[in-house]
Amino acid sequence: MLSYPIAVAKQSNIFDRIIVSTDDKEIASIAKEHGAEVVMRPEEMATDEAHESEAYGHVLDVLADENYVPDAFCGIYPTAVFILPEDLQGAAKLLNSEQNPDVVMSVSEFPIHPYKALQKNDAGYLTMVYPKECKQRSQFYPHYVASNGTFYWFRTTSFRENPGYYTDKLVGYELPNERAIDIDTKKDYEWACLNI
């Protein structure tokens, strides 16, 4: 899977460097084989509890030691096997637009609007999470999107000040749902294999 996002990043022709952060020697070897640089991640940043923003910060520290500080960077998930070069290019244009965001997040529309959400009550019956909105006509629902876990653009200075996604100057680059598959489960993987 790792070869796909590396190839897409290369095809976009917008990156000075393509770097894979990992603690795994096999992943490092695959990344190098496909033309990426590798920054080996410390063990404490490679746990199930570690956040990817720690890995981004670590890579920026390594680059700073080389006297290389990018104006912006893009974190692309290794499971983002359906994004296209034009997605990365379009999101980069948003980052450099007059809106001047700190973060551009890849987002997608909900397949079922959140207003339709139901939850079990203590008696085991389903109740509406949004009782008023749930009863409205769906064509009048606001357009909601959510992070789809494929890629994020950051301005380096703002990331260093606030290493997170949800800043006051956040904009979304909307990906169609069929290109926003985040492969987390075996079922996701099997679906991806059938559609690549």
Protein backbone atom coordinates (compact mmCIF):
# COMPACT_ATOMS: atom_id res chain seq x y z
CA MET A 1 0.00 0.00 0.00
CA LEU A 2 2.78 2.41 0.85
CA SER A 3 3.90 2.58 -2.78
CA TYR A 4 0.62 4.24 -3.87
CA PRO A 5 0.75 7.46 -1.82
CA ILE A 6 4.48 7.79 -2.54
CA ALA A 7 3.80 7.47 -6.28
CA VAL A 8 0.95 10.00 -6.12
CA ALA A 9 3.12 12.47 -4.20
CA LYS A 10 5.84 12.12 -6.85
CA GLN A 11 3.37 12.49 -9.72
CA SER A 12 1.96 15.70 -8.23
CA ASN A 13 5.33 17.45 -8.85
CA ILE A 14 4.76 19.85 -5.94
CA PHE A 15 7.04 18.43 -3.26
CA ASP A 16 10.70 19.25 -2.68
CA ARG A 17 11.09 16.10 -0.62
CA ILE A 18 8.99 13.01 0.06
CA ILE A 19 9.73 11.58 3.50
CA VAL A 20 8.34 8.52 5.24
CA SER A 21 8.42 8.43 9.03
CA THR A 22 8.54 4.92 10.46
CA ASP A 23 10.08 2.74 13.15
CA ASP A 24 9.88 -0.37 10.95
CA LYS A 25 12.88 -1.50 8.88
CA GLU A 26 10.71 -3.29 6.30
CA ILE A 27 8.57 -0.19 5.76
CA ALA A 28 11.74 1.91 5.53
CA SER A 29 13.12 -0.42 2.86
CA ILE A 30 9.87 -0.27 0.84
CA ALA A 31 9.78 3.52 1.11
CA LYS A 32 13.35 3.86 -0.17
CA GLU A 33 12.68 1.34 -2.94
CA HIS A 34 9.86 3.59 -4.18
CA GLY A 35 11.92 6.79 -4.05
CA ALA A 36 11.12 8.30 -0.66
CA GLU A 37 13.51 9.42 2.04
CA VAL A 38 13.11 7.84 5.47
CA VAL A 39 13.25 9.32 8.95
CA MET A 40 13.36 6.61 11.59
CA ARG A 41 10.85 7.35 14.32
CA PRO A 42 11.73 6.92 18.01
CA GLU A 43 10.00 4.02 19.79
CA GLU A 44 7.91 6.32 21.98
CA MET A 45 6.36 7.82 18.84
CA ALA A 46 5.50 4.40 17.40
CA THR A 47 2.95 3.17 19.93
CA ASP A 48 -0.82 2.74 19.52
CA GLU A 49 -1.28 5.79 21.76
CA ALA A 50 1.17 8.03 19.87
CA HIS A 51 -0.34 10.75 17.68
CA GLU A 52 0.87 11.41 14.14
CA SER A 53 1.44 15.06 15.02
CA GLU A 54 4.34 13.86 17.17
CA ALA A 55 5.84 12.16 14.12
CA TYR A 56 5.36 15.33 12.05
CA GLY A 57 7.15 17.34 14.74
CA HIS A 58 9.97 14.81 14.87
CA VAL A 59 10.49 14.98 11.09
CA LEU A 60 10.50 18.79 11.26
CA ASP A 61 13.14 18.60 14.02
CA VAL A 62 15.33 16.32 11.87
CA LEU A 63 14.94 18.68 8.91
CA ALA A 64 15.73 21.71 11.08
CA ASP A 65 18.99 20.00 12.08
CA GLU A 66 19.79 19.97 8.34
CA ASN A 67 18.92 23.71 8.17
CA TYR A 68 15.86 22.86 6.07
CA VAL A 69 12.59 24.41 7.22
CA PRO A 70 9.72 24.07 4.73
CA ASP A 71 7.08 26.81 4.55
CA ALA A 72 4.45 24.08 4.54
CA PHE A 73 4.20 20.30 4.59
CA CYS A 74 1.65 17.66 3.79
CA GLY A 75 1.01 14.60 5.92
CA ILE A 76 -0.26 11.80 3.69
CA TYR A 77 -1.51 8.63 5.30
CA PRO A 78 -0.03 5.36 3.97
CA THR A 79 -3.56 3.99 3.63
CA ALA A 80 -4.60 6.78 1.21
CA VAL A 81 -4.45 4.59 -1.88
CA PHE A 82 -7.18 6.34 -3.90
CA ILE A 83 -6.07 9.96 -3.79
CA LEU A 84 -4.88 11.50 -7.05
CA PRO A 85 -2.04 13.94 -7.80
CA GLU A 86 -4.64 16.64 -8.52
CA ASP A 87 -6.04 16.20 -4.99
CA LEU A 88 -2.69 17.13 -3.48
CA GLN A 89 -2.28 19.97 -6.00
CA GLY A 90 -5.79 21.31 -5.35
CA ALA A 91 -5.32 21.25 -1.60
CA ALA A 92 -1.95 23.01 -1.96
CA LYS A 93 -3.68 25.75 -3.96
CA LEU A 94 -6.18 26.16 -1.12
CA LEU A 95 -3.32 26.51 1.36
CA ASN A 96 -1.88 29.31 -0.78
CA SER A 97 -5.21 30.98 -1.49
CA GLU A 98 -6.33 34.43 -0.30
CA GLN A 99 -8.11 32.72 2.58
CA ASN A 100 -4.62 32.00 3.97
CA PRO A 101 -5.51 28.93 6.09
CA ASP A 102 -3.16 27.29 8.54
CA VAL A 103 -4.47 23.80 7.76
CA VAL A 104 -6.13 22.23 4.74
CA MET A 105 -7.86 18.99 5.73
CA SER A 106 -9.10 16.39 3.28
CA VAL A 107 -12.78 15.94 4.02
CA SER A 108 -15.74 14.02 2.63
CA GLU A 109 -19.49 14.20 2.87
CA PHE A 110 -21.24 11.85 5.29
CA PRO A 111 -22.87 8.92 3.44
CA ILE A 112 -25.82 9.34 5.84
CA HIS A 113 -26.37 12.80 7.34
CA PRO A 114 -25.49 13.07 11.06
CA TYR A 115 -28.99 14.41 11.78
CA LYS A 116 -30.24 10.86 11.15
CA ALA A 117 -28.11 9.53 14.04
CA LEU A 118 -29.82 7.21 16.52
CA GLN A 119 -28.56 5.87 19.84
CA LYS A 120 -29.80 3.25 22.29
CA ASN A 121 -31.33 4.47 25.49
CA ASP A 122 -31.13 2.62 28.83
CA ALA A 123 -34.19 0.54 27.90
CA GLY A 124 -32.52 -0.62 24.66
CA TYR A 125 -34.72 1.44 22.33
CA LEU A 126 -33.32 3.68 19.61
CA THR A 127 -33.77 7.41 20.15
CA MET A 128 -32.96 10.36 17.90
CA VAL A 129 -29.73 12.19 18.73
CA TYR A 130 -31.11 15.30 16.94
CA PRO A 131 -34.91 14.99 17.50
CA LYS A 132 -35.89 18.30 15.89
CA GLU A 133 -33.54 18.08 12.89
CA CYS A 134 -34.16 14.36 12.29
CA LYS A 135 -37.80 15.08 11.46
CA GLN A 136 -36.98 17.79 8.91
CA ARG A 137 -36.81 17.12 5.17
CA SER A 138 -33.28 15.96 4.33
CA GLN A 139 -33.02 18.28 1.31
CA PHE A 140 -32.90 21.17 3.78
CA TYR A 141 -30.06 19.74 5.88
CA PRO A 142 -26.82 21.77 5.95
CA HIS A 143 -23.84 20.37 4.07
CA TYR A 144 -21.67 18.59 6.65
CA VAL A 145 -18.26 17.04 6.03
CA ALA A 146 -15.76 15.16 8.18
CA SER A 147 -12.06 14.48 8.10
CA ASN A 148 -11.48 11.38 6.00
CA GLY A 149 -7.96 10.56 7.19
CA THR A 150 -6.18 10.73 3.84
CA PHE A 151 -4.02 13.87 3.95
CA TYR A 152 -3.51 17.23 5.65
CA TRP A 153 -1.57 20.33 4.61
CA PHE A 154 0.00 22.48 7.35
CA ARG A 155 1.83 25.78 7.47
CA THR A 156 4.99 24.92 9.38
CA THR A 157 5.01 28.01 11.61
CA SER A 158 1.40 27.55 12.72
CA PHE A 159 1.94 23.81 13.24
CA ARG A 160 4.91 24.54 15.50
CA GLU A 161 2.72 26.92 17.55
CA ASN A 162 -0.32 24.63 17.60
CA PRO A 163 0.48 21.05 16.49
CA GLY A 164 -3.03 19.98 15.60
CA TYR A 165 -5.58 19.91 12.82
CA TYR A 166 -8.42 21.93 14.29
CA THR A 167 -7.15 25.48 14.12
CA ASP A 168 -9.20 28.67 13.75
CA LYS A 169 -8.00 28.88 10.13
CA LEU A 170 -8.98 25.42 8.91
CA VAL A 171 -10.38 24.78 5.42
CA GLY A 172 -11.44 21.56 3.76
CA TYR A 173 -10.52 20.00 0.46
CA GLU A 174 -13.48 17.81 -0.38
CA LEU A 175 -12.73 14.35 -1.73
CA PRO A 176 -15.47 12.17 -3.20
CA ASN A 177 -16.26 9.28 -0.86
CA GLU A 178 -14.92 6.70 -3.32
CA ARG A 179 -11.44 8.28 -3.10
CA ALA A 180 -11.55 8.78 0.66
CA ILE A 181 -11.18 5.18 1.77
CA ASP A 182 -9.10 4.95 4.93
CA ILE A 183 -7.97 1.34 5.16
CA ASP A 184 -8.34 0.46 8.84
CA THR A 185 -9.91 -2.98 8.68
CA LYS A 186 -9.58 -6.20 6.69
CA LYS A 187 -12.91 -5.38 5.03
CA ASP A 188 -11.55 -1.97 3.94
CA TYR A 189 -8.47 -3.70 2.53
CA GLU A 190 -10.50 -6.28 0.63
CA TRP A 191 -12.71 -3.54 -0.82
CA ALA A 192 -9.62 -1.57 -1.86
CA CYS A 193 -8.08 -4.61 -3.58
CA LEU A 194 -11.25 -5.03 -5.64
CA ASN A 195 -11.28 -1.38 -6.68
CA ILE A 196 -7.65 -0.51 -7.40
